[in-house]
Amino acid sequence: MDLLLAEAVGWQSQAAQPLPDGLDEEGNPTRVGAPCRHLAVGGCTMPADLRPYGCTAYVCRPMLRSLDRVRGARVRRLVRQMGEAHEAVLARVRRQQRGEPGLF
Protein backbone atom coordinates (compact mmCIF):
# COMPACT_ATOMS: atom_id res chain seq x y z
CA MET A 1 0.00 0.00 0.00
CA ASP A 2 2.81 2.41 0.87
CA LEU A 3 4.38 1.96 -2.56
CA LEU A 4 1.05 2.53 -4.29
CA LEU A 5 0.58 5.77 -2.35
CA ALA A 6 4.12 6.92 -3.20
CA GLU A 7 3.59 6.15 -6.88
CA ALA A 8 0.21 7.91 -6.81
CA VAL A 9 1.94 11.17 -5.91
CA GLY A 10 4.49 10.74 -8.69
CA TRP A 11 7.39 8.84 -7.09
CA GLN A 12 9.22 6.38 -9.31
CA SER A 13 12.01 4.10 -8.13
CA GLN A 14 15.39 5.52 -9.07
CA ALA A 15 17.53 2.60 -7.89
CA ALA A 16 20.10 2.92 -10.66
CA GLN A 17 22.59 0.68 -8.84
CA PRO A 18 20.58 -1.83 -6.84
CA LEU A 19 22.57 -3.90 -4.38
CA PRO A 20 23.11 -7.51 -5.39
CA ASP A 21 20.79 -9.93 -3.61
CA GLY A 22 22.14 -10.98 -0.26
CA LEU A 23 24.54 -8.05 0.24
CA ASP A 24 24.26 -5.11 2.62
CA GLU A 25 25.24 -1.48 2.02
CA GLU A 26 28.92 -2.30 2.52
CA GLY A 27 28.93 -5.34 0.23
CA ASN A 28 28.85 -7.82 3.10
CA PRO A 29 26.64 -10.91 2.92
CA THR A 30 23.39 -10.55 4.85
CA ARG A 31 21.94 -13.30 6.97
CA VAL A 32 18.34 -12.47 6.18
CA GLY A 33 18.48 -12.57 2.41
CA ALA A 34 18.04 -9.86 -0.19
CA PRO A 35 17.77 -6.23 0.92
CA CYS A 36 14.85 -4.02 -0.06
CA ARG A 37 14.61 -3.50 -3.82
CA HIS A 38 14.60 0.26 -3.25
CA LEU A 39 17.95 0.24 -1.48
CA ALA A 40 20.78 1.44 -3.70
CA VAL A 41 24.48 1.93 -3.11
CA GLY A 42 23.83 5.52 -1.95
CA GLY A 43 20.98 4.51 0.40
CA CYS A 44 17.21 4.39 0.14
CA THR A 45 15.84 5.77 -3.12
CA MET A 46 12.46 6.65 -1.62
CA PRO A 47 12.00 10.23 -0.41
CA ALA A 48 12.08 10.31 3.40
CA ASP A 49 8.54 11.68 3.65
CA LEU A 50 7.13 8.81 1.59
CA ARG A 51 8.89 5.90 3.31
CA PRO A 52 6.74 3.37 5.13
CA TYR A 53 6.91 3.45 8.92
CA GLY A 54 8.80 0.16 9.06
CA CYS A 55 11.54 1.57 6.83
CA THR A 56 11.76 4.77 8.83
CA ALA A 57 11.99 2.94 12.15
CA TYR A 58 14.54 0.35 10.99
CA VAL A 59 18.15 1.16 11.83
CA CYS A 60 20.49 -1.34 10.20
CA ARG A 61 23.83 -2.49 11.59
CA PRO A 62 25.92 -0.38 9.16
CA MET A 63 24.04 2.74 10.27
CA LEU A 64 24.59 1.91 13.95
CA ARG A 65 28.27 1.10 13.35
CA SER A 66 28.75 4.57 11.88
CA LEU A 67 27.68 6.17 15.18
CA ASP A 68 29.64 6.51 18.39
CA ARG A 69 28.22 4.89 21.56
CA VAL A 70 26.40 8.00 22.75
CA ARG A 71 24.75 8.70 19.40
CA GLY A 72 23.92 5.03 18.88
CA ALA A 73 22.20 4.89 22.27
CA ARG A 74 20.31 8.09 21.46
CA VAL A 75 19.14 6.72 18.10
CA ARG A 76 17.95 3.48 19.72
CA ARG A 77 16.08 5.46 22.41
CA LEU A 78 14.44 7.75 19.84
CA VAL A 79 13.41 4.81 17.64
CA ARG A 80 11.88 3.10 20.70
CA GLN A 81 9.97 6.30 21.57
CA MET A 82 8.82 6.63 17.97
CA GLY A 83 7.56 3.03 18.09
CA GLU A 84 5.61 3.73 21.27
CA ALA A 85 4.04 6.84 19.71
CA HIS A 86 3.21 4.89 16.55
CA GLU A 87 1.50 2.18 18.59
CA ALA A 88 -0.50 4.81 20.49
CA VAL A 89 -1.69 6.39 17.23
CA LEU A 90 -2.69 2.99 15.83
CA ALA A 91 -4.58 2.15 19.03
CA ARG A 92 -6.52 5.43 18.83
CA VAL A 93 -7.37 4.83 15.18
CA ARG A 94 -8.57 1.29 15.98
CA ARG A 95 -10.78 2.65 18.78
CA GLN A 96 -12.26 5.18 16.40
CA GLN A 97 -12.92 2.48 13.81
CA ARG A 98 -14.84 0.53 16.45
CA GLY A 99 -16.87 3.63 17.20
CA GLU A 100 -15.40 4.23 20.63
CA PRO A 101 -15.32 7.85 21.80
CA GLY A 102 -12.26 9.82 22.70
CA LEU A 103 -10.16 10.11 19.53
CA PHE A 104 -10.12 13.90 19.63
PDB file of N, CA and C in Angstrom:
ATOM      1  N   MET A   1       0.818  -1.189   0.000  1.00  0.00           N
ATOM      2  CA  MET A   1       0.000   0.000   0.000  1.00  0.00           C
ATOM      3  C   MET A   1       0.868   1.262   0.000  1.00  0.00           C
ATOM      4  N   ASP A   2       1.936   1.238   0.800  1.00  0.00           N
ATOM      5  CA  ASP A   2       2.810   2.413   0.867  1.00  0.00           C
ATOM      6  C   ASP A   2       3.408   2.744  -0.499  1.00  0.00           C
ATOM      7  N   LEU A   3       3.802   1.718  -1.235  1.00  0.00           N
ATOM      8  CA  LEU A   3       4.377   1.956  -2.557  1.00  0.00           C
ATOM      9  C   LEU A   3       3.336   2.507  -3.522  1.00  0.00           C
ATOM     10  N   LEU A   4       2.119   2.012  -3.439  1.00  0.00           N
ATOM     11  CA  LEU A   4       1.049   2.529  -4.290  1.00  0.00           C
ATOM     12  C   LEU A   4       0.791   4.004  -4.000  1.00  0.00           C
ATOM     13  N   LEU A   5       0.785   4.364  -2.715  1.00  0.00           N
ATOM     14  CA  LEU A   5       0.582   5.770  -2.348  1.00  0.00           C
ATOM     15  C   LEU A   5       1.728   6.636  -2.856  1.00  0.00           C
ATOM     16  N   ALA A   6       2.960   6.156  -2.720  1.00  0.00           N
ATOM     17  CA  ALA A   6       4.116   6.921  -3.199  1.00  0.00           C
ATOM     18  C   ALA A   6       4.048   7.103  -4.716  1.00  0.00           C
ATOM     19  N   GLU A   7       3.696   6.048  -5.424  1.00  0.00           N
ATOM     20  CA  GLU A   7       3.589   6.148  -6.879  1.00  0.00           C
ATOM     21  C   GLU A   7       2.437   7.059  -7.288  1.00  0.00           C
ATOM     22  N   ALA A   8       1.358   7.067  -6.494  1.00  0.00           N
ATOM     23  CA  ALA A   8       0.207   7.906  -6.814  1.00  0.00           C
ATOM     24  C   ALA A   8       0.534   9.392  -6.766  1.00  0.00           C
ATOM     25  N   VAL A   9       1.545   9.762  -5.970  1.00  0.00           N
ATOM     26  CA  VAL A   9       1.938  11.169  -5.912  1.00  0.00           C
ATOM     27  C   VAL A   9       3.145  11.457  -6.810  1.00  0.00           C
ATOM     28  N   GLY A  10       3.473  10.497  -7.675  1.00  0.00           N
ATOM     29  CA  GLY A  10       4.490  10.738  -8.688  1.00  0.00           C
ATOM     30  C   GLY A  10       5.861  10.141  -8.458  1.00  0.00           C
ATOM     31  N   TRP A  11       6.076   9.434  -7.342  1.00  0.00           N
ATOM     32  CA  TRP A  11       7.389   8.841  -7.093  1.00  0.00           C
ATOM     33  C   TRP A  11       7.608   7.654  -8.008  1.00  0.00           C
ATOM     34  N   GLN A  12       8.821   7.545  -8.534  1.00  0.00           N
ATOM     35  CA  GLN A  12       9.221   6.379  -9.313  1.00  0.00           C
ATOM     36  C   GLN A  12      10.574   5.927  -8.788  1.00  0.00           C
ATOM     37  N   SER A  13      10.750   4.633  -8.642  1.00  0.00           N
ATOM     38  CA  SER A  13      12.005   4.101  -8.130  1.00  0.00           C
ATOM     39  C   SER A  13      13.161   4.553  -9.007  1.00  0.00           C
ATOM     40  N   GLN A  14      14.202   5.044  -8.359  1.00  0.00           N
ATOM     41  CA  GLN A  14      15.391   5.519  -9.071  1.00  0.00           C
ATOM     42  C   GLN A  14      16.612   4.681  -8.725  1.00  0.00           C
ATOM     43  N   ALA A  15      16.416   3.458  -8.301  1.00  0.00           N
ATOM     44  CA  ALA A  15      17.528   2.601  -7.890  1.00  0.00           C
ATOM     45  C   ALA A  15      18.362   2.236  -9.110  1.00  0.00           C
ATOM     46  N   ALA A  16      19.261   3.138  -9.477  1.00  0.00           N
ATOM     47  CA  ALA A  16      20.099   2.919 -10.655  1.00  0.00           C
ATOM     48  C   ALA A  16      21.121   1.822 -10.416  1.00  0.00           C
ATOM     49  N   GLN A  17      21.601   1.693  -9.172  1.00  0.00           N
ATOM     50  CA  GLN A  17      22.594   0.682  -8.841  1.00  0.00           C
ATOM     51  C   GLN A  17      22.089  -0.170  -7.690  1.00  0.00           C
ATOM     52  N   PRO A  18      21.089  -1.025  -7.950  1.00  0.00           N
ATOM     53  CA  PRO A  18      20.583  -1.832  -6.837  1.00  0.00           C
ATOM     54  C   PRO A  18      21.673  -2.744  -6.292  1.00  0.00           C
ATOM     55  N   LEU A  19      21.609  -3.002  -5.001  1.00  0.00           N
ATOM     56  CA  LEU A  19      22.573  -3.898  -4.384  1.00  0.00           C
ATOM     57  C   LEU A  19      22.302  -5.322  -4.840  1.00  0.00           C
ATOM     58  N   PRO A  20      23.336  -6.105  -5.048  1.00  0.00           N
ATOM     59  CA  PRO A  20      23.113  -7.510  -5.394  1.00  0.00           C
ATOM     60  C   PRO A  20      22.380  -8.220  -4.267  1.00  0.00           C
ATOM     61  N   ASP A  21      21.528  -9.177  -4.623  1.00  0.00           N
ATOM     62  CA  ASP A  21      20.795  -9.927  -3.608  1.00  0.00           C
ATOM     63  C   ASP A  21      21.756 -10.517  -2.591  1.00  0.00           C
ATOM     64  N   GLY A  22      21.372 -10.378  -1.326  1.00  0.00           N
ATOM     65  CA  GLY A  22      22.138 -10.982  -0.256  1.00  0.00           C
ATOM     66  C   GLY A  22      23.308 -10.158   0.234  1.00  0.00           C
ATOM     67  N   LEU A  23      23.456  -8.903  -0.229  1.00  0.00           N
ATOM     68  CA  LEU A  23      24.543  -8.049   0.236  1.00  0.00           C
ATOM     69  C   LEU A  23      23.984  -6.816   0.920  1.00  0.00           C
ATOM     70  N   ASP A  24      24.695  -6.331   1.953  1.00  0.00           N
ATOM     71  CA  ASP A  24      24.260  -5.114   2.617  1.00  0.00           C
ATOM     72  C   ASP A  24      24.912  -3.904   1.966  1.00  0.00           C
ATOM     73  N   GLU A  25      24.745  -2.731   2.589  1.00  0.00           N
ATOM     74  CA  GLU A  25      25.242  -1.476   2.019  1.00  0.00           C
ATOM     75  C   GLU A  25      26.755  -1.447   1.845  1.00  0.00           C
ATOM     76  N   GLU A  26      27.465  -2.272   2.606  1.00  0.00           N
ATOM     77  CA  GLU A  26      28.920  -2.301   2.516  1.00  0.00           C
ATOM     78  C   GLU A  26      29.431  -3.479   1.703  1.00  0.00           C
ATOM     79  N   GLY A  27      28.529  -4.206   1.044  1.00  0.00           N
ATOM     80  CA  GLY A  27      28.925  -5.341   0.230  1.00  0.00           C
ATOM     81  C   GLY A  27      29.140  -6.619   1.016  1.00  0.00           C
ATOM     82  N   ASN A  28      28.712  -6.625   2.280  1.00  0.00           N
ATOM     83  CA  ASN A  28      28.853  -7.824   3.104  1.00  0.00           C
ATOM     84  C   ASN A  28      27.623  -8.705   2.954  1.00  0.00           C
ATOM     85  N   PRO A  29      27.800 -10.022   3.015  1.00  0.00           N
ATOM     86  CA  PRO A  29      26.635 -10.913   2.924  1.00  0.00           C
ATOM     87  C   PRO A  29      25.680 -10.674   4.082  1.00  0.00           C
ATOM     88  N   THR A  30      24.390 -10.684   3.796  1.00  0.00           N
ATOM     89  CA  THR A  30      23.390 -10.551   4.853  1.00  0.00           C
ATOM     90  C   THR A  30      22.955 -11.940   5.278  1.00  0.00           C
ATOM     91  N   ARG A  31      22.423 -12.011   6.470  1.00  0.00           N
ATOM     92  CA  ARG A  31      21.943 -13.299   6.975  1.00  0.00           C
ATOM     93  C   ARG A  31      20.472 -13.486   6.689  1.00  0.00           C
ATOM     94  N   VAL A  32      19.779 -12.397   6.350  1.00  0.00           N
ATOM     95  CA  VAL A  32      18.341 -12.473   6.184  1.00  0.00           C
ATOM     96  C   VAL A  32      17.936 -12.645   4.727  1.00  0.00           C
ATOM     97  N   GLY A  33      18.830 -12.473   3.811  1.00  0.00           N
ATOM     98  CA  GLY A  33      18.484 -12.571   2.406  1.00  0.00           C
ATOM     99  C   GLY A  33      18.641 -11.238   1.714  1.00  0.00           C
ATOM    100  N   ALA A  34      17.900 -11.058   0.638  1.00  0.00           N
ATOM    101  CA  ALA A  34      18.039  -9.863  -0.189  1.00  0.00           C
ATOM    102  C   ALA A  34      17.544  -8.618   0.524  1.00  0.00           C
ATOM    103  N   PRO A  35      18.249  -7.488   0.348  1.00  0.00           N
ATOM    104  CA  PRO A  35      17.769  -6.227   0.922  1.00  0.00           C
ATOM    105  C   PRO A  35      16.568  -5.703   0.131  1.00  0.00           C
ATOM    106  N   CYS A  36      15.977  -4.647   0.614  1.00  0.00           N
ATOM    107  CA  CYS A  36      14.847  -4.016  -0.062  1.00  0.00           C
ATOM    108  C   CYS A  36      15.221  -3.659  -1.495  1.00  0.00           C
ATOM    109  N   ARG A  37      14.305  -3.811  -2.417  1.00  0.00           N
ATOM    110  CA  ARG A  37      14.612  -3.504  -3.816  1.00  0.00           C
ATOM    111  C   ARG A  37      14.778  -2.017  -4.072  1.00  0.00           C
ATOM    112  N   HIS A  38      14.443  -1.180  -3.095  1.00  0.00           N
ATOM    113  CA  HIS A  38      14.598   0.265  -3.252  1.00  0.00           C
ATOM    114  C   HIS A  38      15.868   0.785  -2.590  1.00  0.00           C
ATOM    115  N   LEU A  39      16.682  -0.139  -2.087  1.00  0.00           N
ATOM    116  CA  LEU A  39      17.951   0.237  -1.482  1.00  0.00           C
ATOM    117  C   LEU A  39      19.022   0.218  -2.563  1.00  0.00           C
ATOM    118  N   ALA A  40      19.702   1.337  -2.722  1.00  0.00           N
ATOM    119  CA  ALA A  40      20.780   1.439  -3.701  1.00  0.00           C
ATOM    120  C   ALA A  40      22.090   1.694  -2.975  1.00  0.00           C
ATOM    121  N   VAL A  41      23.167   1.734  -3.703  1.00  0.00           N
ATOM    122  CA  VAL A  41      24.482   1.931  -3.106  1.00  0.00           C
ATOM    123  C   VAL A  41      24.513   3.204  -2.266  1.00  0.00           C
ATOM    124  N   GLY A  42      23.845   4.261  -2.694  1.00  0.00           N
ATOM    125  CA  GLY A  42      23.826   5.520  -1.951  1.00  0.00           C
ATOM    126  C   GLY A  42      22.790   5.578  -0.850  1.00  0.00           C
ATOM    127  N   GLY A  43      22.013   4.532  -0.628  1.00  0.00           N
ATOM    128  CA  GLY A  43      20.978   4.508   0.405  1.00  0.00           C
ATOM    129  C   GLY A  43      19.602   4.283  -0.195  1.00  0.00           C
ATOM    130  N   CYS A  44      18.585   4.578   0.581  1.00  0.00           N
ATOM    131  CA  CYS A  44      17.206   4.387   0.136  1.00  0.00           C
ATOM    132  C   CYS A  44      16.878   5.381  -0.973  1.00  0.00           C
ATOM    133  N   THR A  45      16.215   4.894  -2.013  1.00  0.00           N
ATOM    134  CA  THR A  45      15.844   5.771  -3.123  1.00  0.00           C
ATOM    135  C   THR A  45      14.494   6.436  -2.929  1.00  0.00           C
ATOM    136  N   MET A  46      13.766   6.026  -1.889  1.00  0.00           N
ATOM    137  CA  MET A  46      12.465   6.651  -1.625  1.00  0.00           C
ATOM    138  C   MET A  46      12.667   7.950  -0.864  1.00  0.00           C
ATOM    139  N   PRO A  47      11.919   9.000  -1.197  1.00  0.00           N
ATOM    140  CA  PRO A  47      12.003  10.227  -0.414  1.00  0.00           C
ATOM    141  C   PRO A  47      11.617   9.946   1.041  1.00  0.00           C
ATOM    142  N   ALA A  48      12.300  10.580   1.976  1.00  0.00           N
ATOM    143  CA  ALA A  48      12.082  10.306   3.401  1.00  0.00           C
ATOM    144  C   ALA A  48      10.620  10.469   3.812  1.00  0.00           C
ATOM    145  N   ASP A  49       9.926  11.439   3.243  1.00  0.00           N
ATOM    146  CA  ASP A  49       8.538  11.683   3.654  1.00  0.00           C
ATOM    147  C   ASP A  49       7.554  10.690   3.053  1.00  0.00           C
ATOM    148  N   LEU A  50       8.011   9.816   2.171  1.00  0.00           N
ATOM    149  CA  LEU A  50       7.126   8.810   1.586  1.00  0.00           C
ATOM    150  C   LEU A  50       7.453   7.389   2.062  1.00  0.00           C
ATOM    151  N   ARG A  51       8.491   7.235   2.859  1.00  0.00           N
ATOM    152  CA  ARG A  51       8.895   5.902   3.305  1.00  0.00           C
ATOM    153  C   ARG A  51       7.880   5.327   4.278  1.00  0.00           C
ATOM    154  N   PRO A  52       7.627   4.023   4.159  1.00  0.00           N
ATOM    155  CA  PRO A  52       6.737   3.366   5.127  1.00  0.00           C
ATOM    156  C   PRO A  52       7.315   3.450   6.535  1.00  0.00           C
ATOM    157  N   TYR A  53       6.462   3.360   7.541  1.00  0.00           N
ATOM    158  CA  TYR A  53       6.906   3.455   8.922  1.00  0.00           C
ATOM    159  C   TYR A  53       8.010   2.435   9.224  1.00  0.00           C
ATOM    160  N   GLY A  54       7.813   1.208   8.783  1.00  0.00           N
ATOM    161  CA  GLY A  54       8.803   0.164   9.058  1.00  0.00           C
ATOM    162  C   GLY A  54      10.182   0.510   8.543  1.00  0.00           C
ATOM    163  N   CYS A  55      10.243   1.147   7.392  1.00  0.00           N
ATOM    164  CA  CYS A  55      11.537   1.565   6.834  1.00  0.00           C
ATOM    165  C   CYS A  55      12.128   2.703   7.660  1.00  0.00           C
ATOM    166  N   THR A  56      11.288   3.618   8.059  1.00  0.00           N
ATOM    167  CA  THR A  56      11.756   4.771   8.831  1.00  0.00           C
ATOM    168  C   THR A  56      12.283   4.332  10.194  1.00  0.00           C
ATOM    169  N   ALA A  57      11.627   3.369  10.804  1.00  0.00           N
ATOM    170  CA  ALA A  57      11.994   2.941  12.148  1.00  0.00           C
ATOM    171  C   ALA A  57      13.145   1.943  12.163  1.00  0.00           C
ATOM    172  N   TYR A  58      13.490   1.371  11.028  1.00  0.00           N
ATOM    173  CA  TYR A  58      14.539   0.350  10.995  1.00  0.00           C
ATOM    174  C   TYR A  58      15.914   1.001  10.903  1.00  0.00           C
ATOM    175  N   VAL A  59      16.778   0.674  11.842  1.00  0.00           N
ATOM    176  CA  VAL A  59      18.153   1.164  11.828  1.00  0.00           C
ATOM    177  C   VAL A  59      19.051  -0.057  11.660  1.00  0.00           C
ATOM    178  N   CYS A  60      19.679  -0.153  10.504  1.00  0.00           N
ATOM    179  CA  CYS A  60      20.485  -1.337  10.203  1.00  0.00           C
ATOM    180  C   CYS A  60      21.848  -1.274  10.898  1.00  0.00           C
ATOM    181  N   ARG A  61      22.525  -2.406  10.938  1.00  0.00           N
ATOM    182  CA  ARG A  61      23.834  -2.490  11.588  1.00  0.00           C
ATOM    183  C   ARG A  61      24.851  -1.511  11.008  1.00  0.00           C
ATOM    184  N   PRO A  62      24.944  -1.361   9.667  1.00  0.00           N
ATOM    185  CA  PRO A  62      25.919  -0.378   9.160  1.00  0.00           C
ATOM    186  C   PRO A  62      25.640   1.043   9.642  1.00  0.00           C
ATOM    187  N   MET A  63      24.360   1.411   9.761  1.00  0.00           N
ATOM    188  CA  MET A  63      24.041   2.745  10.271  1.00  0.00           C
ATOM    189  C   MET A  63      24.485   2.878  11.722  1.00  0.00           C
ATOM    190  N   LEU A  64      24.188   1.859  12.542  1.00  0.00           N
ATOM    191  CA  LEU A  64      24.585   1.913  13.945  1.00  0.00           C
ATOM    192  C   LEU A  64      26.100   1.918  14.102  1.00  0.00           C
ATOM    193  N   ARG A  65      26.805   1.138  13.261  1.00  0.00           N
ATOM    194  CA  ARG A  65      28.268   1.099  13.345  1.00  0.00           C
ATOM    195  C   ARG A  65      28.890   2.448  13.027  1.00  0.00           C
ATOM    196  N   SER A  66      28.197   3.273  12.250  1.00  0.00           N
ATOM    197  CA  SER A  66      28.749   4.571  11.876  1.00  0.00           C
ATOM    198  C   SER A  66      28.619   5.601  12.999  1.00  0.00           C
ATOM    199  N   LEU A  67      27.902   5.241  14.066  1.00  0.00           N
ATOM    200  CA  LEU A  67      27.679   6.167  15.177  1.00  0.00           C
ATOM    201  C   LEU A  67      28.553   5.804  16.372  1.00  0.00           C
ATOM    202  N   ASP A  68      28.938   6.807  17.145  1.00  0.00           N
ATOM    203  CA  ASP A  68      29.643   6.507  18.389  1.00  0.00           C
ATOM    204  C   ASP A  68      28.630   5.967  19.403  1.00  0.00           C
ATOM    205  N   ARG A  69      29.098   5.517  20.560  1.00  0.00           N
ATOM    206  CA  ARG A  69      28.220   4.893  21.560  1.00  0.00           C
ATOM    207  C   ARG A  69      27.092   5.804  22.006  1.00  0.00           C
ATOM    208  N   VAL A  70      27.410   7.063  22.250  1.00  0.00           N
ATOM    209  CA  VAL A  70      26.399   8.004  22.748  1.00  0.00           C
ATOM    210  C   VAL A  70      25.322   8.219  21.695  1.00  0.00           C
ATOM    211  N   ARG A  71      25.740   8.478  20.471  1.00  0.00           N
ATOM    212  CA  ARG A  71      24.750   8.704  19.403  1.00  0.00           C
ATOM    213  C   ARG A  71      23.966   7.435  19.097  1.00  0.00           C
ATOM    214  N   GLY A  72      24.624   6.287  19.110  1.00  0.00           N
ATOM    215  CA  GLY A  72      23.921   5.028  18.881  1.00  0.00           C
ATOM    216  C   GLY A  72      22.849   4.785  19.921  1.00  0.00           C
ATOM    217  N   ALA A  73      23.180   5.051  21.195  1.00  0.00           N
ATOM    218  CA  ALA A  73      22.197   4.889  22.273  1.00  0.00           C
ATOM    219  C   ALA A  73      21.040   5.861  22.095  1.00  0.00           C
ATOM    220  N   ARG A  74      21.361   7.086  21.678  1.00  0.00           N
ATOM    221  CA  ARG A  74      20.311   8.090  21.462  1.00  0.00           C
ATOM    222  C   ARG A  74      19.387   7.666  20.329  1.00  0.00           C
ATOM    223  N   VAL A  75      19.951   7.163  19.234  1.00  0.00           N
ATOM    224  CA  VAL A  75      19.138   6.715  18.101  1.00  0.00           C
ATOM    225  C   VAL A  75      18.231   5.571  18.534  1.00  0.00           C
ATOM    226  N   ARG A  76      18.777   4.599  19.261  1.00  0.00           N
ATOM    227  CA  ARG A  76      17.946   3.476  19.718  1.00  0.00           C
ATOM    228  C   ARG A  76      16.814   3.964  20.621  1.00  0.00           C
ATOM    229  N   ARG A  77      17.115   4.921  21.515  1.00  0.00           N
ATOM    230  CA  ARG A  77      16.078   5.461  22.407  1.00  0.00           C
ATOM    231  C   ARG A  77      14.997   6.188  21.605  1.00  0.00           C
ATOM    232  N   LEU A  78      15.411   7.003  20.638  1.00  0.00           N
ATOM    233  CA  LEU A  78      14.436   7.747  19.836  1.00  0.00           C
ATOM    234  C   LEU A  78      13.586   6.817  18.977  1.00  0.00           C
ATOM    235  N   VAL A  79      14.178   5.775  18.433  1.00  0.00           N
ATOM    236  CA  VAL A  79      13.408   4.809  17.641  1.00  0.00           C
ATOM    237  C   VAL A  79      12.405   4.093  18.534  1.00  0.00           C
ATOM    238  N   ARG A  80      12.815   3.749  19.762  1.00  0.00           N
ATOM    239  CA  ARG A  80      11.884   3.104  20.704  1.00  0.00           C
ATOM    240  C   ARG A  80      10.723   4.041  21.027  1.00  0.00           C
ATOM    241  N   GLN A  81      11.022   5.327  21.282  1.00  0.00           N
ATOM    242  CA  GLN A  81       9.967   6.297  21.573  1.00  0.00           C
ATOM    243  C   GLN A  81       9.044   6.483  20.366  1.00  0.00           C
ATOM    244  N   MET A  82       9.631   6.500  19.168  1.00  0.00           N
ATOM    245  CA  MET A  82       8.815   6.631  17.968  1.00  0.00           C
ATOM    246  C   MET A  82       7.885   5.422  17.833  1.00  0.00           C
ATOM    247  N   GLY A  83       8.387   4.241  18.142  1.00  0.00           N
ATOM    248  CA  GLY A  83       7.563   3.033  18.094  1.00  0.00           C
ATOM    249  C   GLY A  83       6.410   3.089  19.070  1.00  0.00           C
ATOM    250  N   GLU A  84       6.680   3.596  20.266  1.00  0.00           N
ATOM    251  CA  GLU A  84       5.614   3.735  21.267  1.00  0.00           C
ATOM    252  C   GLU A  84       4.557   4.734  20.803  1.00  0.00           C
ATOM    253  N   ALA A  85       4.988   5.842  20.225  1.00  0.00           N
ATOM    254  CA  ALA A  85       4.039   6.837  19.714  1.00  0.00           C
ATOM    255  C   ALA A  85       3.233   6.260  18.549  1.00  0.00           C
ATOM    256  N   HIS A  86       3.891   5.511  17.688  1.00  0.00           N
ATOM    257  CA  HIS A  86       3.211   4.888  16.548  1.00  0.00           C
ATOM    258  C   HIS A  86       2.145   3.920  17.032  1.00  0.00           C
ATOM    259  N   GLU A  87       2.476   3.113  18.027  1.00  0.00           N
ATOM    260  CA  GLU A  87       1.497   2.177  18.588  1.00  0.00           C
ATOM    261  C   GLU A  87       0.318   2.916  19.216  1.00  0.00           C
ATOM    262  N   ALA A  88       0.577   4.030  19.886  1.00  0.00           N
ATOM    263  CA  ALA A  88      -0.505   4.813  20.489  1.00  0.00           C
ATOM    264  C   ALA A  88      -1.438   5.375  19.427  1.00  0.00           C
ATOM    265  N   VAL A  89      -0.868   5.869  18.332  1.00  0.00           N
ATOM    266  CA  VAL A  89      -1.690   6.392  17.232  1.00  0.00           C
ATOM    267  C   VAL A  89      -2.540   5.274  16.639  1.00  0.00           C
ATOM    268  N   LEU A  90      -1.922   4.119  16.388  1.00  0.00           N
ATOM    269  CA  LEU A  90      -2.685   2.995  15.831  1.00  0.00           C
ATOM    270  C   LEU A  90      -3.804   2.558  16.766  1.00  0.00           C
ATOM    271  N   ALA A  91      -3.546   2.541  18.063  1.00  0.00           N
ATOM    272  CA  ALA A  91      -4.582   2.152  19.032  1.00  0.00           C
ATOM    273  C   ALA A  91      -5.749   3.129  18.989  1.00  0.00           C
ATOM    274  N   ARG A  92      -5.448   4.425  18.897  1.00  0.00           N
ATOM    275  CA  ARG A  92      -6.525   5.430  18.831  1.00  0.00           C
ATOM    276  C   ARG A  92      -7.335   5.278  17.549  1.00  0.00           C
ATOM    277  N   VAL A  93      -6.666   5.015  16.448  1.00  0.00           N
ATOM    278  CA  VAL A  93      -7.373   4.831  15.177  1.00  0.00           C
ATOM    279  C   VAL A  93      -8.262   3.599  15.254  1.00  0.00           C
ATOM    280  N   ARG A  94      -7.750   2.515  15.837  1.00  0.00           N
ATOM    281  CA  ARG A  94      -8.568   1.293  15.979  1.00  0.00           C
ATOM    282  C   ARG A  94      -9.803   1.551  16.838  1.00  0.00           C
ATOM    283  N   ARG A  95      -9.618   2.315  17.933  1.00  0.00           N
ATOM    284  CA  ARG A  95     -10.779   2.645  18.784  1.00  0.00           C
ATOM    285  C   ARG A  95     -11.806   3.453  17.999  1.00  0.00           C
ATOM    286  N   GLN A  96     -11.341   4.374  17.198  1.00  0.00           N
ATOM    287  CA  GLN A  96     -12.264   5.183  16.397  1.00  0.00           C
ATOM    288  C   GLN A  96     -12.998   4.292  15.394  1.00  0.00           C
ATOM    289  N   GLN A  97     -12.287   3.366  14.776  1.00  0.00           N
ATOM    290  CA  GLN A  97     -12.917   2.477  13.809  1.00  0.00           C
ATOM    291  C   GLN A  97     -13.990   1.613  14.454  1.00  0.00           C
ATOM    292  N   ARG A  98     -13.822   1.305  15.730  1.00  0.00           N
ATOM    293  CA  ARG A  98     -14.841   0.525  16.454  1.00  0.00           C
ATOM    294  C   ARG A  98     -15.962   1.397  16.981  1.00  0.00           C
ATOM    295  N   GLY A  99     -15.838   2.716  16.756  1.00  0.00           N
ATOM    296  CA  GLY A  99     -16.868   3.630  17.200  1.00  0.00           C
ATOM    297  C   GLY A  99     -16.756   4.071  18.635  1.00  0.00           C
ATOM    298  N   GLU A 100     -15.595   3.808  19.240  1.00  0.00           N
ATOM    299  CA  GLU A 100     -15.404   4.234  20.633  1.00  0.00           C
ATOM    300  C   GLU A 100     -15.103   5.717  20.675  1.00  0.00           C
ATOM    301  N   PRO A 101     -15.585   6.413  21.690  1.00  0.00           N
ATOM    302  CA  PRO A 101     -15.321   7.854  21.797  1.00  0.00           C
ATOM    303  C   PRO A 101     -13.900   8.128  22.255  1.00  0.00           C
ATOM    304  N   GLY A 102     -13.494   9.374  22.111  1.00  0.00           N
ATOM    305  CA  GLY A 102     -12.256   9.821  22.701  1.00  0.00           C
ATOM    306  C   GLY A 102     -11.086   9.966  21.754  1.00  0.00           C
ATOM    307  N   LEU A 103     -11.305   9.951  20.438  1.00  0.00           N
ATOM    308  CA  LEU A 103     -10.160  10.114  19.531  1.00  0.00           C
ATOM    309  C   LEU A 103      -9.661  11.541  19.570  1.00  0.00           C
ATOM    310  N   PHE A 104     -10.561  12.502  19.615  1.00  0.00           N
ATOM    311  CA  PHE A 104     -10.120  13.905  19.631  1.00  0.00           C
ATOM    312  C   PHE A 104     -10.686  14.598  20.830  1.00  0.00           C
TER     313      PHE A 104
END
